[in-house]
């Protein structure tokens, strides 16, 4: 990853926690997809935005830290994730995993999956686990799910805290995953960076 110009996040921003879910069995595939890749790497500009997001979080909630679940993702691993969901037709599957042919913004080192951890390092309650394939994970459905009593006020506040600091730091949220943020659009990432191999 370093050979492709990517930066290790924790080497630059020590306060940020990293627990790459695809380097464990705690993911939708229930297997270690990443092997020995256990450190989070991103483009330098993305790391700068994350550092700013961490500082914003510390201002609002001293002792709280960003906790990264996924960062730069090699294209070969994108194929593994895509092929692990044959039960979903491609038009639905791409809501959860970007098509490797179109590339995920993770494949450019410009997207991050993360949550917030409290002073003890415990993830805040976001209403669903990471990689949850259902409406409860959709930011676009939060108001409806709150009104129905499915998502609590606490969950909504936690998600808004994450989303607000990430957006203030220059990240873009997506409709289907509360944990996913892009530092650049796909078009911009494609123009500026190479695909991580």
Protein backbone atom coordinates (compact mmCIF):
# COMPACT_ATOMS: atom_id res chain seq x y z
CA UNK A 1 0.00 0.00 0.00
CA UNK A 2 2.82 2.39 0.83
CA UNK A 3 4.33 1.71 -2.59
CA UNK A 4 1.15 3.15 -4.11
CA UNK A 5 1.48 6.35 -2.10
CA UNK A 6 -1.02 5.47 0.62
CA UNK A 7 -0.49 6.54 4.22
CA UNK A 8 -1.03 4.46 7.35
CA UNK A 9 -3.75 6.27 9.31
CA UNK A 10 -2.50 5.55 12.84
CA UNK A 11 1.05 6.63 11.97
CA UNK A 12 -0.40 10.08 11.19
CA UNK A 13 -3.31 10.32 13.66
CA UNK A 14 -2.55 8.27 16.77
CA UNK A 15 -5.90 9.01 18.45
CA UNK A 16 -7.84 7.10 15.78
CA UNK A 17 -8.58 3.44 16.54
CA UNK A 18 -8.44 0.74 13.86
CA UNK A 19 -10.19 -2.62 13.77
CA UNK A 20 -10.39 -3.73 10.14
CA UNK A 21 -13.47 -5.95 10.07
CA UNK A 22 -12.38 -7.77 6.90
CA UNK A 23 -9.16 -8.79 8.68
CA UNK A 24 -11.35 -10.67 11.20
CA UNK A 25 -14.32 -13.04 10.97
CA UNK A 26 -16.64 -10.29 12.28
CA UNK A 27 -18.07 -9.37 8.86
CA UNK A 28 -20.84 -10.54 6.52
CA UNK A 29 -18.59 -13.22 4.99
CA UNK A 30 -17.65 -14.61 8.43
CA UNK A 31 -14.05 -15.05 7.29
CA UNK A 32 -10.78 -13.15 7.23
CA UNK A 33 -10.78 -11.60 3.76
CA UNK A 34 -7.71 -9.38 4.21
CA UNK A 35 -5.25 -11.92 5.61
CA UNK A 36 -2.33 -10.06 7.16
CA UNK A 37 -3.58 -6.58 6.19
CA UNK A 38 -4.52 -5.21 9.62
CA UNK A 39 -3.54 -1.54 9.29
CA UNK A 40 -5.71 1.16 7.74
CA UNK A 41 -4.24 2.92 4.72
CA UNK A 42 -5.72 5.89 2.85
CA UNK A 43 -4.71 8.67 0.50
CA UNK A 44 -2.84 11.46 2.32
CA UNK A 45 -5.61 14.01 1.67
CA UNK A 46 -8.18 11.59 3.10
CA UNK A 47 -6.06 11.12 6.24
CA UNK A 48 -5.88 14.92 6.65
CA UNK A 49 -9.68 15.08 6.54
CA UNK A 50 -9.88 12.26 9.10
CA UNK A 51 -7.47 14.09 11.39
CA UNK A 52 -9.75 17.12 11.23
CA UNK A 53 -12.81 14.94 11.92
CA UNK A 54 -11.04 13.46 14.97
CA UNK A 55 -10.24 16.97 16.27
CA UNK A 56 -13.88 18.01 15.81
CA UNK A 57 -15.00 14.92 17.73
CA UNK A 58 -12.57 15.66 20.58
CA UNK A 59 -13.92 19.21 20.83
CA UNK A 60 -17.50 17.95 21.18
CA UNK A 61 -16.85 14.74 23.12
CA UNK A 62 -13.47 14.73 24.89
CA UNK A 63 -12.09 11.19 25.07
CA UNK A 64 -14.16 9.91 22.15
CA UNK A 65 -12.29 8.50 19.15
CA UNK A 66 -13.01 7.51 15.59
CA UNK A 67 -12.87 3.73 15.07
CA UNK A 68 -12.07 2.60 11.53
CA UNK A 69 -13.65 -0.62 10.26
CA UNK A 70 -12.40 -0.42 6.66
CA UNK A 71 -10.20 1.87 4.59
CA UNK A 72 -8.27 1.29 1.34
CA UNK A 73 -9.35 -2.01 -0.21
CA UNK A 74 -7.36 -3.87 -2.87
CA UNK A 75 -9.36 -4.59 -6.03
CA UNK A 76 -8.90 -8.36 -5.61
CA UNK A 77 -10.67 -8.13 -2.24
CA UNK A 78 -13.46 -6.11 -3.86
CA UNK A 79 -14.11 -9.11 -6.12
CA UNK A 80 -14.21 -11.41 -3.05
CA UNK A 81 -16.86 -9.23 -1.40
CA UNK A 82 -18.91 -8.89 -4.60
CA UNK A 83 -18.87 -12.64 -5.26
CA UNK A 84 -19.91 -13.41 -1.68
CA UNK A 85 -23.44 -12.05 -2.35
CA UNK A 86 -24.78 -14.17 -5.25
CA UNK A 87 -28.27 -14.17 -3.68
CA UNK A 88 -28.64 -10.48 -4.59
CA UNK A 89 -29.05 -9.43 -8.23
CA UNK A 90 -26.33 -6.93 -9.27
CA UNK A 91 -28.77 -3.99 -9.23
CA UNK A 92 -29.45 -4.66 -5.50
CA UNK A 93 -25.98 -5.95 -4.63
CA UNK A 94 -24.35 -2.63 -5.59
CA UNK A 95 -26.27 -0.94 -2.74
CA UNK A 96 -24.10 -2.96 -0.33
CA UNK A 97 -20.89 -3.70 -2.25
CA UNK A 98 -19.67 -1.64 -5.20
CA UNK A 99 -19.19 -3.52 -8.44
CA UNK A 100 -15.49 -4.32 -8.90
CA UNK A 101 -15.87 -3.40 -12.56
CA UNK A 102 -16.93 0.14 -11.60
CA UNK A 103 -14.56 0.22 -8.58
CA UNK A 104 -15.43 1.18 -5.04
CA UNK A 105 -14.07 4.46 -3.74
CA UNK A 106 -12.34 2.19 -1.18
CA UNK A 107 -10.33 0.86 -4.15
CA UNK A 108 -8.84 4.33 -4.58
CA UNK A 109 -7.99 4.73 -0.88
CA UNK A 110 -10.55 7.52 -0.63
CA UNK A 111 -13.40 5.99 1.39
CA UNK A 112 -13.58 4.94 5.00
CA UNK A 113 -16.01 2.85 7.05
CA UNK A 114 -16.04 3.88 10.68
CA UNK A 115 -17.91 4.55 13.89
CA UNK A 116 -17.27 6.43 17.13
CA UNK A 117 -15.83 4.82 20.26
CA UNK A 118 -16.39 6.20 23.76
CA UNK A 119 -13.71 6.91 26.40
CA UNK A 120 -13.40 3.16 27.08
CA UNK A 121 -12.99 2.30 23.41
CA UNK A 122 -16.48 0.82 23.09
CA UNK A 123 -18.38 1.59 19.88
CA UNK A 124 -21.42 3.82 20.32
CA UNK A 125 -24.83 2.28 19.62
CA UNK A 126 -25.63 2.99 15.97
CA UNK A 127 -28.69 0.74 15.81
CA UNK A 128 -27.11 -1.94 13.61
CA UNK A 129 -23.74 -3.60 13.36
CA UNK A 130 -21.29 -2.72 10.59
CA UNK A 131 -22.15 -4.47 7.31
CA UNK A 132 -25.84 -4.83 8.18
CA UNK A 133 -27.81 -5.37 4.96
CA UNK A 134 -31.16 -3.90 5.86
CA UNK A 135 -33.19 -0.72 6.00
CA UNK A 136 -32.20 -0.07 9.62
CA UNK A 137 -28.69 0.84 8.38
CA UNK A 138 -29.93 3.35 5.79
CA UNK A 139 -29.36 7.01 6.72
CA UNK A 140 -32.11 7.92 4.24
CA UNK A 141 -34.63 5.87 6.29
CA UNK A 142 -33.73 7.18 9.76
CA UNK A 143 -36.69 9.53 10.22
CA UNK A 144 -39.17 6.86 9.15
CA UNK A 145 -37.55 4.23 11.40
CA UNK A 146 -37.43 6.65 14.34
CA UNK A 147 -41.13 7.49 13.86
CA UNK A 148 -41.90 3.75 13.86
CA UNK A 149 -39.92 3.24 17.08
CA UNK A 150 -37.34 1.01 15.36
CA UNK A 151 -34.40 3.39 15.88
CA UNK A 152 -34.08 5.13 19.25
CA UNK A 153 -33.35 8.79 19.93
CA UNK A 154 -29.92 7.76 21.24
CA UNK A 155 -29.10 5.92 17.99
CA UNK A 156 -30.19 8.89 15.87
CA UNK A 157 -28.07 11.28 17.98
CA UNK A 158 -25.03 9.00 17.70
CA UNK A 159 -25.41 8.73 13.93
CA UNK A 160 -25.87 12.49 13.59
CA UNK A 161 -22.74 13.11 15.66
CA UNK A 162 -20.74 10.87 13.31
CA UNK A 163 -22.29 12.26 10.15
CA UNK A 164 -21.94 15.91 11.24
CA UNK A 165 -18.25 15.70 12.10
CA UNK A 166 -17.46 13.73 8.95
CA UNK A 167 -19.34 16.17 6.72
CA UNK A 168 -17.68 19.18 8.40
CA UNK A 169 -14.34 17.51 7.67
CA UNK A 170 -15.23 17.24 3.98
CA UNK A 171 -16.59 13.70 3.69
CA UNK A 172 -19.72 12.65 1.82
CA UNK A 173 -22.17 10.14 3.37
CA UNK A 174 -24.12 7.58 1.35
CA UNK A 175 -27.79 6.51 1.52
CA UNK A 176 -27.44 2.84 2.49
CA UNK A 177 -24.70 2.62 5.14
CA UNK A 178 -24.42 4.84 8.22
CA UNK A 179 -20.71 3.87 8.54
CA UNK A 180 -19.49 4.74 5.01
CA UNK A 181 -17.98 8.09 4.02
CA UNK A 182 -16.26 9.18 0.81
CA UNK A 183 -13.49 11.76 0.78
CA UNK A 184 -14.09 12.32 -2.94
CA UNK A 185 -16.70 11.42 -5.53
CA UNK A 186 -15.97 8.31 -7.61
CA UNK A 187 -15.21 10.50 -10.64
CA UNK A 188 -12.78 12.68 -8.68
CA UNK A 189 -11.06 9.68 -7.05
CA UNK A 190 -10.71 7.99 -10.44
CA UNK A 191 -9.18 11.13 -11.93
CA UNK A 192 -6.71 11.69 -9.09
CA UNK A 193 -5.67 8.23 -7.90
CA UNK A 194 -4.79 4.74 -9.10
CA UNK A 195 -6.76 1.65 -8.12
CA UNK A 196 -5.17 -0.13 -5.15
CA UNK A 197 -3.96 -3.56 -6.27
